[in-house]
Every structure is written in C-alpha cells, then in structure tokens.
Amino acid sequence: MARNDRTTHDAACTECRHLRLEADDARAFEVAPADIGGWRMWSKALLRMVRRMGDQPTQAIVISQEPFTQRYLQAVVGHGIARVEASSNASLQGMHRLTDDHHQLLVLLGWRPPTDESLDPRDGPGSWSLPLVHRTWDDMVDVISATTIGVFGFSEHLPVSVITFGSVHPCRSCSWPETAREFR
C-alpha cells in the first residue's frame, strides 16, 4: 500500500500502539468459490467481512490465487474508509502480466493506473488504485469481484486466499491523514 504522509502521527502514536495490542491475529481464509455456490456467494461472504471490518480500527486485506496467478488485490479498511489497490505489471511476470485489454477493463471499472508517485521504492511496486471508498462497501466489493473474475481471471474451481491482518497504523489519524478535515 502506498505510504501515507504521517506528519502528525507515526509508529510511536499512543493510540496506534494501544490498538495494535488489542488487534485480532492475522486470519487466512482459502476457499474455491465453486465449493460454496460460486462467485456470487464468495462475493457475499467478502461483503459481510468488509462490512464487519469497515468501522473498526484499520486492517489490511490481501486477495490472491497463487500459484494459479501472481495477480492480487489488497486493501486497508477501517474507520468507514478503504483504500484498494490491484497488482500492476510492475509486480507481475511472464504470462501473469496484464495486457492493454486488461488495462482498458480496469479503467472502465474505475481503477486509476499506477503513477510516478506510487513508485516510491519503500512502497514496493506501483499499483492500480480505486478512489478512497467511504462506506460504499457494496460498490467496493462489486469492483473487487469484477476485477478478480473478469480482469484477473481467478478460477472459480481453485482456492482464493483472503488474508486479513492489523495495520501498522490502525488509528484514524495515522491511517487516513488525508481525510483529517472530514472528521473534524
């Protein structure tokens, strides 16, 4: 995930330290969508999970289907806000790389292409990103589902991995400094 500007808060934030102590352990879920009724049911389960996480301290989600594909989605969700990213060719190799057709589909779904600002070596490779999500969990999960199925080509018959874990910066001020004015 892209680095946030933490001019007023950092890893030493008292609230973040407290929230990290109370945070749930990392959780991993692996299920083939075909085993639970298909992509529609998988998407409903993802939506239930995101809704539960939505107003909690910030947590991370990583969705992948390795070794079938290197393509993945990741998000940080909490305090009613989410930032969602999808892998780009900066992190993909060989047959897993995205084509121009994939890029066009991502744009049609609302994804923004990686920019030079997202290429800070400390952040890892630049990723496709959605505009900040403000409690529109249904729309967010619709885009994630359309991306995993229609663009990234995840297989319904192979396990999809969904990993959740606490954010290094779980408090509202540290997770979402760019939205600080909205909460005052």
N, C-alpha and C. Protein backbone atom coordinates (compact mmCIF):
# COMPACT_ATOMS: atom_id res chain seq x y z
N MET A 1 0.85 -1.17 0.00
CA MET A 1 0.00 0.00 0.00
C MET A 1 0.89 1.23 0.00
N ALA A 2 0.42 2.26 -0.59
CA ALA A 2 1.18 3.50 -0.67
C ALA A 2 1.37 4.09 0.72
N ARG A 3 2.50 4.70 0.91
CA ARG A 3 2.84 5.33 2.17
C ARG A 3 1.97 6.55 2.40
N ASN A 4 1.49 6.74 3.61
CA ASN A 4 0.73 7.94 3.96
C ASN A 4 1.68 8.99 4.51
N ASP A 5 1.33 10.25 4.38
CA ASP A 5 2.09 11.34 4.98
C ASP A 5 1.72 11.38 6.45
N ARG A 6 2.64 10.99 7.31
CA ARG A 6 2.36 10.94 8.74
C ARG A 6 3.12 12.05 9.45
N THR A 7 2.78 13.28 9.12
CA THR A 7 3.50 14.41 9.73
C THR A 7 3.12 14.59 11.19
N THR A 8 1.90 14.24 11.57
CA THR A 8 1.49 14.44 12.96
C THR A 8 1.46 13.14 13.75
N HIS A 9 1.42 12.00 13.09
CA HIS A 9 1.39 10.72 13.77
C HIS A 9 2.40 9.80 13.11
N ASP A 10 2.95 8.88 13.87
CA ASP A 10 3.85 7.89 13.30
C ASP A 10 3.72 6.61 14.09
N ALA A 11 4.67 5.68 13.88
CA ALA A 11 4.59 4.38 14.55
C ALA A 11 4.60 4.53 16.07
N ALA A 12 5.04 5.67 16.58
CA ALA A 12 5.07 5.90 18.03
C ALA A 12 3.74 6.42 18.56
N CYS A 13 2.75 6.56 17.72
CA CYS A 13 1.43 7.06 18.14
C CYS A 13 0.88 6.18 19.27
N THR A 14 0.50 6.80 20.37
CA THR A 14 -0.01 6.07 21.53
C THR A 14 -1.27 5.29 21.19
N GLU A 15 -2.18 5.91 20.45
CA GLU A 15 -3.42 5.23 20.09
C GLU A 15 -3.14 4.01 19.21
N CYS A 16 -2.21 4.16 18.24
CA CYS A 16 -1.86 3.02 17.38
C CYS A 16 -1.27 1.88 18.21
N ARG A 17 -0.37 2.22 19.14
CA ARG A 17 0.23 1.17 19.97
C ARG A 17 -0.85 0.43 20.75
N HIS A 18 -1.79 1.16 21.32
CA HIS A 18 -2.89 0.55 22.08
C HIS A 18 -3.75 -0.34 21.17
N LEU A 19 -4.11 0.15 19.99
CA LEU A 19 -4.95 -0.61 19.08
C LEU A 19 -4.24 -1.87 18.58
N ARG A 20 -2.93 -1.78 18.35
CA ARG A 20 -2.19 -2.96 17.91
C ARG A 20 -2.20 -4.05 18.98
N LEU A 21 -2.13 -3.66 20.24
CA LEU A 21 -2.17 -4.64 21.33
C LEU A 21 -3.52 -5.36 21.39
N GLU A 22 -4.59 -4.65 21.05
CA GLU A 22 -5.94 -5.22 21.10
C GLU A 22 -6.35 -5.92 19.80
N ALA A 23 -5.56 -5.78 18.75
CA ALA A 23 -5.95 -6.27 17.43
C ALA A 23 -6.03 -7.79 17.37
N ASP A 24 -6.93 -8.27 16.52
CA ASP A 24 -7.02 -9.70 16.26
C ASP A 24 -5.76 -10.16 15.54
N ASP A 25 -5.45 -11.43 15.68
CA ASP A 25 -4.34 -12.01 14.94
C ASP A 25 -4.70 -12.06 13.47
N ALA A 26 -3.68 -12.25 12.65
CA ALA A 26 -3.91 -12.41 11.22
C ALA A 26 -4.81 -13.63 11.00
N ARG A 27 -5.65 -13.52 9.99
CA ARG A 27 -6.54 -14.63 9.64
C ARG A 27 -6.40 -14.91 8.15
N ALA A 28 -6.47 -16.17 7.81
CA ALA A 28 -6.40 -16.57 6.41
C ALA A 28 -7.59 -17.46 6.09
N PHE A 29 -8.24 -17.15 4.99
CA PHE A 29 -9.37 -17.94 4.52
C PHE A 29 -9.03 -18.40 3.11
N GLU A 30 -9.19 -19.67 2.83
CA GLU A 30 -8.97 -20.19 1.49
C GLU A 30 -10.16 -21.05 1.11
N VAL A 31 -10.81 -20.66 0.04
CA VAL A 31 -11.97 -21.43 -0.41
C VAL A 31 -12.12 -21.26 -1.91
N ALA A 32 -12.43 -22.36 -2.58
CA ALA A 32 -12.75 -22.29 -4.01
C ALA A 32 -14.19 -21.83 -4.13
N PRO A 33 -14.44 -20.75 -4.85
CA PRO A 33 -15.82 -20.26 -4.97
C PRO A 33 -16.82 -21.34 -5.39
N ALA A 34 -16.41 -22.27 -6.25
CA ALA A 34 -17.32 -23.33 -6.69
C ALA A 34 -17.78 -24.20 -5.53
N ASP A 35 -16.96 -24.29 -4.47
CA ASP A 35 -17.31 -25.12 -3.32
C ASP A 35 -18.37 -24.49 -2.42
N ILE A 36 -18.63 -23.19 -2.59
CA ILE A 36 -19.62 -22.52 -1.72
C ILE A 36 -20.75 -21.89 -2.53
N GLY A 37 -20.94 -22.36 -3.76
CA GLY A 37 -22.06 -21.86 -4.55
C GLY A 37 -21.67 -20.88 -5.64
N GLY A 38 -20.38 -20.70 -5.90
CA GLY A 38 -19.93 -19.85 -6.99
C GLY A 38 -19.49 -18.47 -6.55
N TRP A 39 -19.15 -17.66 -7.55
CA TRP A 39 -18.62 -16.31 -7.29
C TRP A 39 -19.61 -15.43 -6.55
N ARG A 40 -20.89 -15.60 -6.83
CA ARG A 40 -21.90 -14.76 -6.17
C ARG A 40 -21.85 -14.96 -4.65
N MET A 41 -21.76 -16.20 -4.22
CA MET A 41 -21.71 -16.48 -2.79
C MET A 41 -20.37 -16.03 -2.20
N TRP A 42 -19.29 -16.20 -2.95
CA TRP A 42 -17.97 -15.75 -2.49
C TRP A 42 -18.00 -14.23 -2.28
N SER A 43 -18.59 -13.52 -3.23
CA SER A 43 -18.67 -12.06 -3.12
C SER A 43 -19.52 -11.64 -1.92
N LYS A 44 -20.61 -12.36 -1.67
CA LYS A 44 -21.44 -12.05 -0.50
C LYS A 44 -20.65 -12.25 0.80
N ALA A 45 -19.86 -13.32 0.86
CA ALA A 45 -19.04 -13.57 2.05
C ALA A 45 -18.00 -12.47 2.23
N LEU A 46 -17.39 -12.03 1.13
CA LEU A 46 -16.41 -10.94 1.19
C LEU A 46 -17.09 -9.66 1.67
N LEU A 47 -18.28 -9.38 1.18
CA LEU A 47 -19.01 -8.19 1.61
C LEU A 47 -19.32 -8.23 3.11
N ARG A 48 -19.74 -9.38 3.61
CA ARG A 48 -20.00 -9.50 5.05
C ARG A 48 -18.73 -9.20 5.85
N MET A 49 -17.60 -9.72 5.40
CA MET A 49 -16.34 -9.49 6.10
C MET A 49 -15.97 -8.01 6.07
N VAL A 50 -16.07 -7.37 4.90
CA VAL A 50 -15.72 -5.96 4.78
C VAL A 50 -16.65 -5.10 5.63
N ARG A 51 -17.92 -5.41 5.65
CA ARG A 51 -18.86 -4.65 6.50
C ARG A 51 -18.48 -4.75 7.98
N ARG A 52 -18.07 -5.95 8.41
CA ARG A 52 -17.65 -6.12 9.81
C ARG A 52 -16.39 -5.31 10.11
N MET A 53 -15.48 -5.24 9.17
CA MET A 53 -14.22 -4.52 9.36
C MET A 53 -14.37 -3.01 9.20
N GLY A 54 -15.37 -2.59 8.46
CA GLY A 54 -15.49 -1.21 8.00
C GLY A 54 -15.36 -0.12 9.02
N ASP A 55 -15.96 -0.27 10.19
CA ASP A 55 -15.92 0.78 11.20
C ASP A 55 -14.95 0.46 12.34
N GLN A 56 -14.19 -0.60 12.18
CA GLN A 56 -13.19 -0.99 13.18
C GLN A 56 -11.88 -0.22 12.93
N PRO A 57 -10.89 -0.38 13.82
CA PRO A 57 -9.56 0.17 13.51
C PRO A 57 -9.06 -0.43 12.19
N THR A 58 -8.20 0.29 11.53
CA THR A 58 -7.76 -0.09 10.19
C THR A 58 -7.05 -1.44 10.17
N GLN A 59 -7.47 -2.26 9.20
CA GLN A 59 -6.89 -3.58 8.96
C GLN A 59 -6.58 -3.71 7.48
N ALA A 60 -5.75 -4.69 7.15
CA ALA A 60 -5.38 -4.94 5.76
C ALA A 60 -6.03 -6.24 5.28
N ILE A 61 -6.29 -6.28 3.97
CA ILE A 61 -6.83 -7.47 3.31
C ILE A 61 -5.97 -7.72 2.08
N VAL A 62 -5.60 -8.97 1.85
CA VAL A 62 -4.90 -9.35 0.62
C VAL A 62 -5.67 -10.51 0.01
N ILE A 63 -6.02 -10.38 -1.28
CA ILE A 63 -6.78 -11.40 -2.00
C ILE A 63 -5.91 -11.89 -3.15
N SER A 64 -5.66 -13.20 -3.20
CA SER A 64 -4.80 -13.75 -4.25
C SER A 64 -5.24 -15.17 -4.59
N GLN A 65 -4.63 -15.69 -5.64
CA GLN A 65 -4.89 -17.07 -6.05
C GLN A 65 -3.60 -17.69 -6.58
N GLU A 66 -2.59 -17.68 -5.73
CA GLU A 66 -1.31 -18.29 -6.12
C GLU A 66 -1.41 -19.80 -5.88
N PRO A 67 -0.74 -20.61 -6.64
CA PRO A 67 0.19 -20.29 -7.71
C PRO A 67 -0.48 -20.12 -9.07
N PHE A 68 -1.82 -20.20 -9.12
CA PHE A 68 -2.53 -20.06 -10.39
C PHE A 68 -2.20 -18.75 -11.08
N THR A 69 -2.15 -17.67 -10.33
CA THR A 69 -1.80 -16.36 -10.88
C THR A 69 -1.06 -15.54 -9.84
N GLN A 70 -0.17 -14.66 -10.31
CA GLN A 70 0.53 -13.73 -9.42
C GLN A 70 -0.33 -12.50 -9.14
N ARG A 71 -1.42 -12.35 -9.83
CA ARG A 71 -2.27 -11.16 -9.68
C ARG A 71 -2.94 -11.16 -8.30
N TYR A 72 -3.10 -9.97 -7.74
CA TYR A 72 -3.67 -9.86 -6.39
C TYR A 72 -4.34 -8.51 -6.22
N LEU A 73 -5.16 -8.42 -5.19
CA LEU A 73 -5.75 -7.15 -4.75
C LEU A 73 -5.42 -7.01 -3.28
N GLN A 74 -5.29 -5.77 -2.84
CA GLN A 74 -5.05 -5.51 -1.42
C GLN A 74 -5.79 -4.25 -1.03
N ALA A 75 -6.14 -4.19 0.24
CA ALA A 75 -6.89 -3.04 0.73
C ALA A 75 -6.55 -2.79 2.19
N VAL A 76 -6.70 -1.56 2.59
CA VAL A 76 -6.75 -1.22 4.01
C VAL A 76 -8.15 -0.68 4.25
N VAL A 77 -8.78 -1.18 5.31
CA VAL A 77 -10.18 -0.87 5.60
C VAL A 77 -10.31 -0.53 7.08
N GLY A 78 -10.97 0.57 7.38
CA GLY A 78 -11.23 0.91 8.77
C GLY A 78 -11.74 2.32 8.91
N HIS A 79 -12.43 2.59 10.01
CA HIS A 79 -12.96 3.92 10.31
C HIS A 79 -13.87 4.44 9.21
N GLY A 80 -14.56 3.51 8.51
CA GLY A 80 -15.50 3.90 7.47
C GLY A 80 -14.87 4.25 6.14
N ILE A 81 -13.57 3.96 5.99
CA ILE A 81 -12.84 4.32 4.77
C ILE A 81 -12.07 3.10 4.30
N ALA A 82 -11.83 3.03 2.99
CA ALA A 82 -10.97 1.96 2.45
C ALA A 82 -10.15 2.51 1.30
N ARG A 83 -8.95 1.98 1.19
CA ARG A 83 -8.09 2.22 0.04
C ARG A 83 -7.83 0.85 -0.57
N VAL A 84 -8.11 0.70 -1.87
CA VAL A 84 -7.99 -0.59 -2.54
C VAL A 84 -6.99 -0.46 -3.68
N GLU A 85 -6.13 -1.46 -3.80
CA GLU A 85 -5.13 -1.49 -4.87
C GLU A 85 -5.16 -2.85 -5.54
N ALA A 86 -4.77 -2.85 -6.82
CA ALA A 86 -4.66 -4.08 -7.60
C ALA A 86 -3.27 -4.14 -8.21
N SER A 87 -2.76 -5.34 -8.35
CA SER A 87 -1.41 -5.50 -8.87
C SER A 87 -1.30 -4.93 -10.28
N SER A 88 -0.11 -4.44 -10.58
CA SER A 88 0.18 -3.91 -11.91
C SER A 88 1.36 -4.69 -12.49
N ASN A 89 1.71 -4.39 -13.71
CA ASN A 89 2.83 -5.09 -14.35
C ASN A 89 4.16 -4.84 -13.65
N ALA A 90 4.22 -3.84 -12.77
CA ALA A 90 5.45 -3.61 -12.01
C ALA A 90 5.77 -4.79 -11.11
N SER A 91 4.74 -5.57 -10.73
CA SER A 91 4.97 -6.71 -9.84
C SER A 91 4.62 -8.06 -10.48
N LEU A 92 4.28 -8.05 -11.76
CA LEU A 92 3.87 -9.28 -12.43
C LEU A 92 4.88 -9.69 -13.49
N GLN A 93 5.03 -11.00 -13.68
CA GLN A 93 5.99 -11.51 -14.65
C GLN A 93 5.33 -12.49 -15.61
N GLY A 94 5.92 -12.60 -16.80
CA GLY A 94 5.51 -13.61 -17.78
C GLY A 94 4.04 -13.55 -18.12
N MET A 95 3.42 -14.73 -18.12
CA MET A 95 2.01 -14.83 -18.53
C MET A 95 1.05 -14.15 -17.57
N HIS A 96 1.54 -13.75 -16.42
CA HIS A 96 0.68 -13.08 -15.43
C HIS A 96 0.56 -11.58 -15.68
N ARG A 97 1.41 -11.05 -16.57
CA ARG A 97 1.36 -9.61 -16.85
C ARG A 97 0.03 -9.23 -17.49
N LEU A 98 -0.39 -8.00 -17.24
CA LEU A 98 -1.65 -7.50 -17.77
C LEU A 98 -1.45 -6.98 -19.18
N THR A 99 -2.44 -7.20 -20.04
CA THR A 99 -2.39 -6.72 -21.42
C THR A 99 -3.05 -5.34 -21.51
N ASP A 100 -2.96 -4.74 -22.68
CA ASP A 100 -3.66 -3.46 -22.89
C ASP A 100 -5.17 -3.62 -22.69
N ASP A 101 -5.71 -4.77 -23.10
CA ASP A 101 -7.15 -5.03 -22.87
C ASP A 101 -7.47 -5.06 -21.38
N HIS A 102 -6.62 -5.69 -20.59
CA HIS A 102 -6.82 -5.70 -19.13
C HIS A 102 -6.81 -4.27 -18.59
N HIS A 103 -5.85 -3.48 -19.07
CA HIS A 103 -5.75 -2.08 -18.60
C HIS A 103 -7.03 -1.32 -18.92
N GLN A 104 -7.57 -1.51 -20.12
CA GLN A 104 -8.81 -0.82 -20.50
C GLN A 104 -9.98 -1.25 -19.61
N LEU A 105 -10.05 -2.54 -19.31
CA LEU A 105 -11.12 -3.02 -18.43
C LEU A 105 -10.98 -2.44 -17.02
N LEU A 106 -9.75 -2.37 -16.52
CA LEU A 106 -9.54 -1.79 -15.19
C LEU A 106 -10.02 -0.34 -15.15
N VAL A 107 -9.70 0.42 -16.18
CA VAL A 107 -10.15 1.82 -16.23
C VAL A 107 -11.67 1.88 -16.26
N LEU A 108 -12.31 1.02 -17.05
CA LEU A 108 -13.77 1.00 -17.12
C LEU A 108 -14.41 0.67 -15.77
N LEU A 109 -13.72 -0.12 -14.96
CA LEU A 109 -14.23 -0.47 -13.63
C LEU A 109 -13.97 0.62 -12.59
N GLY A 110 -13.21 1.66 -12.98
CA GLY A 110 -12.96 2.76 -12.05
C GLY A 110 -11.57 2.79 -11.45
N TRP A 111 -10.70 1.87 -11.86
CA TRP A 111 -9.33 1.85 -11.35
C TRP A 111 -8.51 2.96 -11.98
N ARG A 112 -7.59 3.52 -11.19
CA ARG A 112 -6.64 4.52 -11.69
C ARG A 112 -5.30 3.82 -11.89
N PRO A 113 -4.64 4.07 -13.03
CA PRO A 113 -3.35 3.40 -13.28
C PRO A 113 -2.27 3.88 -12.32
N PRO A 114 -1.22 3.06 -12.16
CA PRO A 114 -0.10 3.48 -11.31
C PRO A 114 0.48 4.79 -11.84
N THR A 115 0.94 5.62 -10.92
CA THR A 115 1.56 6.88 -11.29
C THR A 115 2.98 6.90 -10.77
N ASP A 116 3.74 7.89 -11.21
CA ASP A 116 5.12 8.02 -10.73
C ASP A 116 5.16 8.17 -9.22
N GLU A 117 4.14 8.82 -8.63
CA GLU A 117 4.11 9.00 -7.18
C GLU A 117 3.98 7.66 -6.45
N SER A 118 3.41 6.65 -7.12
CA SER A 118 3.23 5.36 -6.46
C SER A 118 4.45 4.47 -6.61
N LEU A 119 5.51 4.99 -7.19
CA LEU A 119 6.69 4.18 -7.44
C LEU A 119 7.81 4.41 -6.44
N ASP A 120 7.49 4.90 -5.26
CA ASP A 120 8.48 5.05 -4.20
C ASP A 120 9.00 3.66 -3.84
N PRO A 121 10.33 3.42 -3.93
CA PRO A 121 10.86 2.08 -3.68
C PRO A 121 10.53 1.54 -2.29
N ARG A 122 10.29 2.42 -1.33
CA ARG A 122 9.92 1.96 0.01
C ARG A 122 8.51 1.38 0.03
N ASP A 123 7.69 1.73 -0.95
CA ASP A 123 6.30 1.27 -1.01
C ASP A 123 6.14 0.00 -1.81
N GLY A 124 7.17 -0.43 -2.49
CA GLY A 124 7.03 -1.55 -3.40
C GLY A 124 6.54 -1.04 -4.75
N PRO A 125 6.21 -1.95 -5.65
CA PRO A 125 5.82 -1.53 -6.99
C PRO A 125 4.52 -0.74 -7.01
N GLY A 126 4.39 0.14 -8.00
CA GLY A 126 3.16 0.90 -8.17
C GLY A 126 2.00 -0.02 -8.48
N SER A 127 0.83 0.34 -8.02
CA SER A 127 -0.36 -0.49 -8.20
C SER A 127 -1.49 0.33 -8.79
N TRP A 128 -2.46 -0.36 -9.38
CA TRP A 128 -3.71 0.27 -9.76
C TRP A 128 -4.44 0.61 -8.47
N SER A 129 -5.20 1.69 -8.46
CA SER A 129 -5.90 2.07 -7.22
C SER A 129 -7.30 2.59 -7.53
N LEU A 130 -8.17 2.41 -6.56
CA LEU A 130 -9.51 3.00 -6.62
C LEU A 130 -9.49 4.29 -5.82
N PRO A 131 -10.38 5.23 -6.15
CA PRO A 131 -10.52 6.40 -5.28
C PRO A 131 -10.89 5.92 -3.87
N LEU A 132 -10.59 6.73 -2.86
CA LEU A 132 -10.94 6.34 -1.49
C LEU A 132 -12.41 5.96 -1.42
N VAL A 133 -12.68 4.89 -0.71
CA VAL A 133 -14.05 4.40 -0.53
C VAL A 133 -14.54 4.90 0.82
N HIS A 134 -15.73 5.49 0.84
CA HIS A 134 -16.33 5.99 2.08
C HIS A 134 -17.63 5.23 2.34
N ARG A 135 -17.51 4.10 3.01
CA ARG A 135 -18.64 3.26 3.44
C ARG A 135 -19.51 2.73 2.30
N THR A 136 -19.06 2.78 1.09
CA THR A 136 -19.82 2.20 -0.02
C THR A 136 -19.29 0.78 -0.26
N TRP A 137 -19.45 -0.06 0.78
CA TRP A 137 -18.85 -1.39 0.76
C TRP A 137 -19.40 -2.24 -0.38
N ASP A 138 -20.70 -2.14 -0.68
CA ASP A 138 -21.28 -2.93 -1.76
C ASP A 138 -20.58 -2.61 -3.08
N ASP A 139 -20.41 -1.32 -3.37
CA ASP A 139 -19.75 -0.92 -4.61
C ASP A 139 -18.30 -1.40 -4.65
N MET A 140 -17.61 -1.28 -3.52
CA MET A 140 -16.21 -1.70 -3.45
C MET A 140 -16.09 -3.19 -3.74
N VAL A 141 -16.93 -4.00 -3.11
CA VAL A 141 -16.87 -5.45 -3.31
C VAL A 141 -17.28 -5.81 -4.74
N ASP A 142 -18.23 -5.08 -5.32
CA ASP A 142 -18.59 -5.31 -6.73
C ASP A 142 -17.38 -5.12 -7.63
N VAL A 143 -16.61 -4.05 -7.40
CA VAL A 143 -15.43 -3.79 -8.24
C VAL A 143 -14.36 -4.85 -7.98
N ILE A 144 -14.15 -5.22 -6.72
CA ILE A 144 -13.17 -6.26 -6.41
C ILE A 144 -13.56 -7.57 -7.10
N SER A 145 -14.83 -7.94 -7.01
CA SER A 145 -15.30 -9.18 -7.63
C SER A 145 -15.15 -9.13 -9.15
N ALA A 146 -15.57 -8.03 -9.75
CA ALA A 146 -15.44 -7.90 -11.21
C ALA A 146 -13.98 -7.97 -11.64
N THR A 147 -13.10 -7.43 -10.82
CA THR A 147 -11.67 -7.45 -11.15
C THR A 147 -11.10 -8.86 -11.02
N THR A 148 -11.39 -9.54 -9.92
CA THR A 148 -10.84 -10.89 -9.74
C THR A 148 -11.37 -11.85 -10.80
N ILE A 149 -12.64 -11.72 -11.14
CA ILE A 149 -13.26 -12.65 -12.08
C ILE A 149 -13.00 -12.24 -13.53
N GLY A 150 -13.39 -11.01 -13.88
CA GLY A 150 -13.39 -10.59 -15.28
C GLY A 150 -12.08 -10.07 -15.82
N VAL A 151 -11.22 -9.55 -14.96
CA VAL A 151 -9.96 -8.99 -15.44
C VAL A 151 -8.79 -9.89 -15.06
N PHE A 152 -8.69 -10.26 -13.80
CA PHE A 152 -7.55 -11.05 -13.34
C PHE A 152 -7.72 -12.54 -13.63
N GLY A 153 -8.92 -12.97 -13.97
CA GLY A 153 -9.15 -14.35 -14.39
C GLY A 153 -8.98 -15.40 -13.30
N PHE A 154 -9.30 -15.05 -12.06
CA PHE A 154 -9.24 -16.05 -10.99
C PHE A 154 -10.17 -17.21 -11.36
N SER A 155 -9.76 -18.42 -11.03
CA SER A 155 -10.56 -19.60 -11.33
C SER A 155 -11.55 -19.88 -10.20
N GLU A 156 -12.78 -20.16 -10.58
CA GLU A 156 -13.82 -20.49 -9.61
C GLU A 156 -13.54 -21.83 -8.92
N HIS A 157 -12.74 -22.67 -9.57
CA HIS A 157 -12.53 -24.03 -9.07
C HIS A 157 -11.26 -24.19 -8.24
N LEU A 158 -10.50 -23.12 -8.08
CA LEU A 158 -9.29 -23.15 -7.26
C LEU A 158 -9.47 -22.25 -6.06
N PRO A 159 -8.81 -22.57 -4.95
CA PRO A 159 -8.96 -21.74 -3.75
C PRO A 159 -8.49 -20.30 -3.97
N VAL A 160 -9.30 -19.38 -3.47
CA VAL A 160 -8.93 -17.96 -3.42
C VAL A 160 -8.51 -17.69 -1.98
N SER A 161 -7.36 -17.08 -1.81
CA SER A 161 -6.84 -16.77 -0.48
C SER A 161 -7.23 -15.34 -0.10
N VAL A 162 -7.84 -15.20 1.08
CA VAL A 162 -8.16 -13.89 1.63
C VAL A 162 -7.49 -13.84 3.00
N ILE A 163 -6.50 -12.95 3.13
CA ILE A 163 -5.75 -12.82 4.38
C ILE A 163 -6.07 -11.45 4.97
N THR A 164 -6.38 -11.42 6.26
CA THR A 164 -6.61 -10.15 6.95
C THR A 164 -5.63 -10.05 8.10
N PHE A 165 -5.18 -8.83 8.37
CA PHE A 165 -4.27 -8.60 9.49
C PHE A 165 -4.34 -7.13 9.88
N GLY A 166 -3.94 -6.85 11.11
CA GLY A 166 -3.98 -5.49 11.62
C GLY A 166 -2.99 -4.59 10.91
N SER A 167 -3.37 -3.34 10.74
CA SER A 167 -2.50 -2.35 10.11
C SER A 167 -1.43 -1.89 11.10
N VAL A 168 -0.28 -1.50 10.59
CA VAL A 168 0.77 -0.93 11.42
C VAL A 168 0.27 0.38 12.04
N HIS A 169 -0.59 1.09 11.32
CA HIS A 169 -1.15 2.36 11.77
C HIS A 169 -2.68 2.24 11.83
N PRO A 170 -3.22 1.62 12.90
CA PRO A 170 -4.66 1.36 12.93
C PRO A 170 -5.54 2.53 13.35
N CYS A 171 -4.98 3.59 13.95
CA CYS A 171 -5.85 4.69 14.39
C CYS A 171 -6.28 5.54 13.19
N ARG A 172 -7.38 6.24 13.35
CA ARG A 172 -7.94 7.05 12.27
C ARG A 172 -6.94 8.11 11.78
N SER A 173 -6.31 8.81 12.69
CA SER A 173 -5.40 9.90 12.31
C SER A 173 -4.21 9.40 11.51
N CYS A 174 -3.66 8.26 11.89
CA CYS A 174 -2.49 7.72 11.19
C CYS A 174 -2.87 7.00 9.90
N SER A 175 -4.00 6.30 9.91
CA SER A 175 -4.44 5.56 8.72
C SER A 175 -4.90 6.48 7.60
N TRP A 176 -5.57 7.55 7.97
CA TRP A 176 -6.25 8.38 6.99
C TRP A 176 -5.92 9.86 7.18
N PRO A 177 -4.64 10.25 7.20
CA PRO A 177 -4.32 11.67 7.44
C PRO A 177 -4.88 12.59 6.36
N GLU A 178 -5.03 12.08 5.14
CA GLU A 178 -5.55 12.91 4.06
C GLU A 178 -7.02 13.23 4.23
N THR A 179 -7.70 12.57 5.16
CA THR A 179 -9.13 12.83 5.39
C THR A 179 -9.37 13.50 6.73
N ALA A 180 -8.34 13.96 7.39
CA ALA A 180 -8.46 14.51 8.75
C ALA A 180 -9.50 15.63 8.82
N ARG A 181 -9.57 16.48 7.81
CA ARG A 181 -10.52 17.60 7.82
C ARG A 181 -11.97 17.12 7.79
N GLU A 182 -12.20 15.97 7.13
CA GLU A 182 -13.56 15.44 7.01
C GLU A 182 -14.12 15.00 8.35
N PHE A 183 -13.25 14.68 9.31
CA PHE A 183 -13.70 14.13 10.58
C PHE A 183 -13.78 15.17 11.68
N ARG A 184 -13.46 16.39 11.38
CA ARG A 184 -13.48 17.43 12.42
C ARG A 184 -14.82 18.08 12.51
